[in-house]
Amino acid sequence: MRVEDLTAGAPLDLRFSASGLKGETGTDRLAGLIEAVVAMKGNMLTITVTDVKELKAAMEDPENYRH
């Protein structure tokens, strides 16, 4: 099935750990993902990057972590 045949073009909402995207290797991983989405004619990609420390802080004080 082609992405362009899907309703809304198959939007992706992805979450990654900051540790998995560190350094040049992490940059290459993220760039490869974005390039693949573009090559497949994806029309929407939302990427959220966070770490355990930030998630714990948000749980303790959610008002400071609103979007």
PDB file of N, CA and C in Angstrom:
ATOM      1  N   MET A   1       0.846  -1.171   0.000  1.00  0.00           N
ATOM      2  CA  MET A   1       0.000   0.000   0.000  1.00  0.00           C
ATOM      3  C   MET A   1       0.896   1.240   0.000  1.00  0.00           C
ATOM      4  N   ARG A   2       0.551   2.194  -0.811  1.00  0.00           N
ATOM      5  CA  ARG A   2       1.307   3.431  -0.894  1.00  0.00           C
ATOM      6  C   ARG A   2       0.787   4.434   0.142  1.00  0.00           C
ATOM      7  N   VAL A   3       1.702   5.203   0.711  1.00  0.00           N
ATOM      8  CA  VAL A   3       1.326   6.189   1.716  1.00  0.00           C
ATOM      9  C   VAL A   3       0.306   7.177   1.168  1.00  0.00           C
ATOM     10  N   GLU A   4       0.502   7.609  -0.067  1.00  0.00           N
ATOM     11  CA  GLU A   4      -0.403   8.608  -0.636  1.00  0.00           C
ATOM     12  C   GLU A   4      -1.827   8.086  -0.829  1.00  0.00           C
ATOM     13  N   ASP A   5      -2.022   6.769  -0.771  1.00  0.00           N
ATOM     14  CA  ASP A   5      -3.354   6.193  -0.889  1.00  0.00           C
ATOM     15  C   ASP A   5      -4.101   6.136   0.453  1.00  0.00           C
ATOM     16  N   LEU A   6      -3.412   6.428   1.522  1.00  0.00           N
ATOM     17  CA  LEU A   6      -4.011   6.342   2.848  1.00  0.00           C
ATOM     18  C   LEU A   6      -4.700   7.652   3.223  1.00  0.00           C
ATOM     19  N   THR A   7      -5.737   7.535   4.026  1.00  0.00           N
ATOM     20  CA  THR A   7      -6.441   8.715   4.506  1.00  0.00           C
ATOM     21  C   THR A   7      -5.471   9.608   5.255  1.00  0.00           C
ATOM     22  N   ALA A   8      -5.459  10.879   4.935  1.00  0.00           N
ATOM     23  CA  ALA A   8      -4.596  11.888   5.566  1.00  0.00           C
ATOM     24  C   ALA A   8      -3.115  11.595   5.342  1.00  0.00           C
ATOM     25  N   GLY A   9      -2.787  10.706   4.431  1.00  0.00           N
ATOM     26  CA  GLY A   9      -1.386  10.448   4.112  1.00  0.00           C
ATOM     27  C   GLY A   9      -0.601   9.746   5.195  1.00  0.00           C
ATOM     28  N   ALA A  10      -1.255   9.114   6.138  1.00  0.00           N
ATOM     29  CA  ALA A  10      -0.619   8.362   7.217  1.00  0.00           C
ATOM     30  C   ALA A  10       0.297   9.230   8.076  1.00  0.00           C
ATOM     31  N   PRO A  11      -0.259  10.226   8.787  1.00  0.00           N
ATOM     32  CA  PRO A  11       0.568  11.058   9.659  1.00  0.00           C
ATOM     33  C   PRO A  11       1.242  10.228  10.739  1.00  0.00           C
ATOM     34  N   LEU A  12       2.467  10.594  11.071  1.00  0.00           N
ATOM     35  CA  LEU A  12       3.232   9.879  12.087  1.00  0.00           C
ATOM     36  C   LEU A  12       3.469  10.784  13.282  1.00  0.00           C
ATOM     37  N   ASP A  13       3.248  10.261  14.470  1.00  0.00           N
ATOM     38  CA  ASP A  13       3.525  10.967  15.720  1.00  0.00           C
ATOM     39  C   ASP A  13       4.464  10.063  16.509  1.00  0.00           C
ATOM     40  N   LEU A  14       5.750  10.414  16.531  1.00  0.00           N
ATOM     41  CA  LEU A  14       6.768   9.547  17.129  1.00  0.00           C
ATOM     42  C   LEU A  14       7.413  10.190  18.337  1.00  0.00           C
ATOM     43  N   ARG A  15       7.767   9.361  19.322  1.00  0.00           N
ATOM     44  CA  ARG A  15       8.466   9.832  20.521  1.00  0.00           C
ATOM     45  C   ARG A  15       9.767   9.049  20.654  1.00  0.00           C
ATOM     46  N   PHE A  16      10.831   9.801  20.941  1.00  0.00           N
ATOM     47  CA  PHE A  16      12.146   9.188  21.080  1.00  0.00           C
ATOM     48  C   PHE A  16      12.797   9.609  22.389  1.00  0.00           C
ATOM     49  N   SER A  17      13.601   8.713  22.913  1.00  0.00           N
ATOM     50  CA  SER A  17      14.435   9.035  24.059  1.00  0.00           C
ATOM     51  C   SER A  17      15.615   9.868  23.572  1.00  0.00           C
ATOM     52  N   ALA A  18      15.952  10.901  24.315  1.00  0.00           N
ATOM     53  CA  ALA A  18      17.071  11.771  23.925  1.00  0.00           C
ATOM     54  C   ALA A  18      18.370  10.973  23.819  1.00  0.00           C
ATOM     55  N   SER A  19      18.529   9.955  24.649  1.00  0.00           N
ATOM     56  CA  SER A  19      19.774   9.173  24.622  1.00  0.00           C
ATOM     57  C   SER A  19      19.944   8.415  23.306  1.00  0.00           C
ATOM     58  N   GLY A  20      18.859   8.087  22.647  1.00  0.00           N
ATOM     59  CA  GLY A  20      18.942   7.364  21.380  1.00  0.00           C
ATOM     60  C   GLY A  20      19.271   8.253  20.193  1.00  0.00           C
ATOM     61  N   LEU A  21      19.272   9.570  20.424  1.00  0.00           N
ATOM     62  CA  LEU A  21      19.540  10.503  19.330  1.00  0.00           C
ATOM     63  C   LEU A  21      20.777  11.362  19.591  1.00  0.00           C
ATOM     64  N   LYS A  22      21.621  10.926  20.516  1.00  0.00           N
ATOM     65  CA  LYS A  22      22.815  11.691  20.858  1.00  0.00           C
ATOM     66  C   LYS A  22      23.905  11.560  19.795  1.00  0.00           C
ATOM     67  N   GLY A  23      24.663  12.610  19.651  1.00  0.00           N
ATOM     68  CA  GLY A  23      25.852  12.596  18.806  1.00  0.00           C
ATOM     69  C   GLY A  23      25.554  12.454  17.324  1.00  0.00           C
ATOM     70  N   GLU A  24      26.604  12.192  16.586  1.00  0.00           N
ATOM     71  CA  GLU A  24      26.481  12.075  15.129  1.00  0.00           C
ATOM     72  C   GLU A  24      25.635  10.868  14.734  1.00  0.00           C
ATOM     73  N   THR A  25      25.763   9.788  15.477  1.00  0.00           N
ATOM     74  CA  THR A  25      24.958   8.597  15.183  1.00  0.00           C
ATOM     75  C   THR A  25      23.475   8.893  15.338  1.00  0.00           C
ATOM     76  N   GLY A  26      23.118   9.595  16.402  1.00  0.00           N
ATOM     77  CA  GLY A  26      21.721   9.963  16.622  1.00  0.00           C
ATOM     78  C   GLY A  26      21.203  10.895  15.545  1.00  0.00           C
ATOM     79  N   THR A  27      22.055  11.837  15.154  1.00  0.00           N
ATOM     80  CA  THR A  27      21.675  12.752  14.076  1.00  0.00           C
ATOM     81  C   THR A  27      21.439  11.985  12.784  1.00  0.00           C
ATOM     82  N   ASP A  28      22.315  11.033  12.496  1.00  0.00           N
ATOM     83  CA  ASP A  28      22.161  10.212  11.288  1.00  0.00           C
ATOM     84  C   ASP A  28      20.870   9.392  11.342  1.00  0.00           C
ATOM     85  N   ARG A  29      20.557   8.859  12.516  1.00  0.00           N
ATOM     86  CA  ARG A  29      19.313   8.081  12.669  1.00  0.00           C
ATOM     87  C   ARG A  29      18.094   8.946  12.365  1.00  0.00           C
ATOM     88  N   LEU A  30      18.060  10.127  12.971  1.00  0.00           N
ATOM     89  CA  LEU A  30      16.919  11.013  12.791  1.00  0.00           C
ATOM     90  C   LEU A  30      16.824  11.492  11.341  1.00  0.00           C
ATOM     91  N   ALA A  31      17.960  11.834  10.762  1.00  0.00           N
ATOM     92  CA  ALA A  31      17.967  12.266   9.357  1.00  0.00           C
ATOM     93  C   ALA A  31      17.483  11.146   8.445  1.00  0.00           C
ATOM     94  N   GLY A  32      17.895   9.922   8.712  1.00  0.00           N
ATOM     95  CA  GLY A  32      17.455   8.777   7.910  1.00  0.00           C
ATOM     96  C   GLY A  32      15.955   8.577   8.002  1.00  0.00           C
ATOM     97  N   LEU A  33      15.417   8.739   9.200  1.00  0.00           N
ATOM     98  CA  LEU A  33      13.969   8.614   9.379  1.00  0.00           C
ATOM     99  C   LEU A  33      13.232   9.675   8.580  1.00  0.00           C
ATOM    100  N   ILE A  34      13.683  10.918   8.695  1.00  0.00           N
ATOM    101  CA  ILE A  34      13.028  12.016   7.979  1.00  0.00           C
ATOM    102  C   ILE A  34      13.136  11.810   6.472  1.00  0.00           C
ATOM    103  N   GLU A  35      14.298  11.409   6.010  1.00  0.00           N
ATOM    104  CA  GLU A  35      14.480  11.153   4.572  1.00  0.00           C
ATOM    105  C   GLU A  35      13.553  10.043   4.091  1.00  0.00           C
ATOM    106  N   ALA A  36      13.378   8.995   4.907  1.00  0.00           N
ATOM    107  CA  ALA A  36      12.493   7.891   4.524  1.00  0.00           C
ATOM    108  C   ALA A  36      11.037   8.354   4.445  1.00  0.00           C
ATOM    109  N   VAL A  37      10.609   9.167   5.396  1.00  0.00           N
ATOM    110  CA  VAL A  37       9.237   9.679   5.381  1.00  0.00           C
ATOM    111  C   VAL A  37       9.004  10.532   4.138  1.00  0.00           C
ATOM    112  N   VAL A  38       9.966  11.388   3.825  1.00  0.00           N
ATOM    113  CA  VAL A  38       9.841  12.235   2.632  1.00  0.00           C
ATOM    114  C   VAL A  38       9.826  11.375   1.371  1.00  0.00           C
ATOM    115  N   ALA A  39      10.709  10.366   1.309  1.00  0.00           N
ATOM    116  CA  ALA A  39      10.768   9.491   0.131  1.00  0.00           C
ATOM    117  C   ALA A  39       9.467   8.726  -0.074  1.00  0.00           C
ATOM    118  N   MET A  40       8.782   8.414   1.034  1.00  0.00           N
ATOM    119  CA  MET A  40       7.510   7.701   0.945  1.00  0.00           C
ATOM    120  C   MET A  40       6.332   8.656   0.770  1.00  0.00           C
ATOM    121  N   LYS A  41       6.638   9.928   0.541  1.00  0.00           N
ATOM    122  CA  LYS A  41       5.635  10.967   0.329  1.00  0.00           C
ATOM    123  C   LYS A  41       4.757  11.201   1.558  1.00  0.00           C
ATOM    124  N   GLY A  42       5.365  11.028   2.727  1.00  0.00           N
ATOM    125  CA  GLY A  42       4.646  11.328   3.962  1.00  0.00           C
ATOM    126  C   GLY A  42       4.340  12.810   4.026  1.00  0.00           C
ATOM    127  N   ASN A  43       3.199  13.159   4.595  1.00  0.00           N
ATOM    128  CA  ASN A  43       2.814  14.563   4.608  1.00  0.00           C
ATOM    129  C   ASN A  43       2.802  15.182   5.996  1.00  0.00           C
ATOM    130  N   MET A  44       2.996  14.366   7.041  1.00  0.00           N
ATOM    131  CA  MET A  44       3.011  14.924   8.389  1.00  0.00           C
ATOM    132  C   MET A  44       3.841  14.032   9.290  1.00  0.00           C
ATOM    133  N   LEU A  45       4.797  14.652   9.971  1.00  0.00           N
ATOM    134  CA  LEU A  45       5.668  13.929  10.896  1.00  0.00           C
ATOM    135  C   LEU A  45       5.863  14.796  12.127  1.00  0.00           C
ATOM    136  N   THR A  46       5.452  14.288  13.279  1.00  0.00           N
ATOM    137  CA  THR A  46       5.659  14.985  14.538  1.00  0.00           C
ATOM    138  C   THR A  46       6.647  14.164  15.354  1.00  0.00           C
ATOM    139  N   ILE A  47       7.729  14.799  15.775  1.00  0.00           N
ATOM    140  CA  ILE A  47       8.760  14.115  16.548  1.00  0.00           C
ATOM    141  C   ILE A  47       8.874  14.792  17.902  1.00  0.00           C
ATOM    142  N   THR A  48       8.791  13.996  18.954  1.00  0.00           N
ATOM    143  CA  THR A  48       8.975  14.484  20.312  1.00  0.00           C
ATOM    144  C   THR A  48      10.194  13.779  20.894  1.00  0.00           C
ATOM    145  N   VAL A  49      11.112  14.559  21.451  1.00  0.00           N
ATOM    146  CA  VAL A  49      12.318  14.000  22.061  1.00  0.00           C
ATOM    147  C   VAL A  49      12.348  14.435  23.517  1.00  0.00           C
ATOM    148  N   THR A  50      12.524  13.478  24.412  1.00  0.00           N
ATOM    149  CA  THR A  50      12.560  13.788  25.834  1.00  0.00           C
ATOM    150  C   THR A  50      13.470  12.797  26.550  1.00  0.00           C
ATOM    151  N   ASP A  51      13.655  13.004  27.836  1.00  0.00           N
ATOM    152  CA  ASP A  51      14.444  12.062  28.629  1.00  0.00           C
ATOM    153  C   ASP A  51      13.745  11.818  29.965  1.00  0.00           C
ATOM    154  N   VAL A  52      14.233  10.853  30.712  1.00  0.00           N
ATOM    155  CA  VAL A  52      13.597  10.449  31.963  1.00  0.00           C
ATOM    156  C   VAL A  52      13.555  11.602  32.957  1.00  0.00           C
ATOM    157  N   LYS A  53      14.648  12.358  33.051  1.00  0.00           N
ATOM    158  CA  LYS A  53      14.703  13.480  33.997  1.00  0.00           C
ATOM    159  C   LYS A  53      13.600  14.500  33.700  1.00  0.00           C
ATOM    160  N   GLU A  54      13.436  14.827  32.431  1.00  0.00           N
ATOM    161  CA  GLU A  54      12.402  15.792  32.045  1.00  0.00           C
ATOM    162  C   GLU A  54      11.002  15.239  32.314  1.00  0.00           C
ATOM    163  N   LEU A  55      10.772  13.964  32.028  1.00  0.00           N
ATOM    164  CA  LEU A  55       9.456  13.366  32.278  1.00  0.00           C
ATOM    165  C   LEU A  55       9.110  13.367  33.765  1.00  0.00           C
ATOM    166  N   LYS A  56      10.088  13.046  34.604  1.00  0.00           N
ATOM    167  CA  LYS A  56       9.849  13.062  36.055  1.00  0.00           C
ATOM    168  C   LYS A  56       9.554  14.473  36.545  1.00  0.00           C
ATOM    169  N   ALA A  57      10.287  15.458  36.029  1.00  0.00           N
ATOM    170  CA  ALA A  57      10.047  16.848  36.410  1.00  0.00           C
ATOM    171  C   ALA A  57       8.646  17.285  35.985  1.00  0.00           C
ATOM    172  N   ALA A  58       8.219  16.861  34.822  1.00  0.00           N
ATOM    173  CA  ALA A  58       6.879  17.209  34.331  1.00  0.00           C
ATOM    174  C   ALA A  58       5.790  16.566  35.185  1.00  0.00           C
ATOM    175  N   MET A  59       6.052  15.381  35.682  1.00  0.00           N
ATOM    176  CA  MET A  59       5.077  14.724  36.550  1.00  0.00           C
ATOM    177  C   MET A  59       4.956  15.463  37.881  1.00  0.00           C
ATOM    178  N   GLU A  60       6.068  16.009  38.368  1.00  0.00           N
ATOM    179  CA  GLU A  60       6.056  16.718  39.640  1.00  0.00           C
ATOM    180  C   GLU A  60       5.451  18.117  39.514  1.00  0.00           C
ATOM    181  N   ASP A  61       5.627  18.740  38.366  1.00  0.00           N
ATOM    182  CA  ASP A  61       5.157  20.116  38.168  1.00  0.00           C
ATOM    183  C   ASP A  61       4.581  20.279  36.765  1.00  0.00           C
ATOM    184  N   PRO A  62       3.426  19.663  36.494  1.00  0.00           N
ATOM    185  CA  PRO A  62       2.870  19.653  35.137  1.00  0.00           C
ATOM    186  C   PRO A  62       2.545  21.033  34.570  1.00  0.00           C
ATOM    187  N   GLU A  63       2.274  22.014  35.412  1.00  0.00           N
ATOM    188  CA  GLU A  63       1.944  23.364  34.911  1.00  0.00           C
ATOM    189  C   GLU A  63       3.096  23.986  34.144  1.00  0.00           C
ATOM    190  N   ASN A  64       4.312  23.620  34.456  1.00  0.00           N
ATOM    191  CA  ASN A  64       5.481  24.167  33.759  1.00  0.00           C
ATOM    192  C   ASN A  64       5.819  23.400  32.478  1.00  0.00           C
ATOM    193  N   TYR A  65       5.034  22.391  32.160  1.00  0.00           N
ATOM    194  CA  TYR A  65       5.323  21.571  30.988  1.00  0.00           C
ATOM    195  C   TYR A  65       4.131  21.467  30.051  1.00  0.00           C
ATOM    196  N   ARG A  66       3.291  22.466  30.054  1.00  0.00           N
ATOM    197  CA  ARG A  66       2.146  22.496  29.143  1.00  0.00           C
ATOM    198  C   ARG A  66       2.617  22.928  27.767  1.00  0.00           C
ATOM    199  N   HIS A  67       1.951  22.442  26.748  1.00  0.00           N
ATOM    200  CA  HIS A  67       2.303  22.835  25.369  1.00  0.00           C
ATOM    201  C   HIS A  67       1.635  24.124  25.009  1.00  0.00           C
TER     202      HIS A  67
END
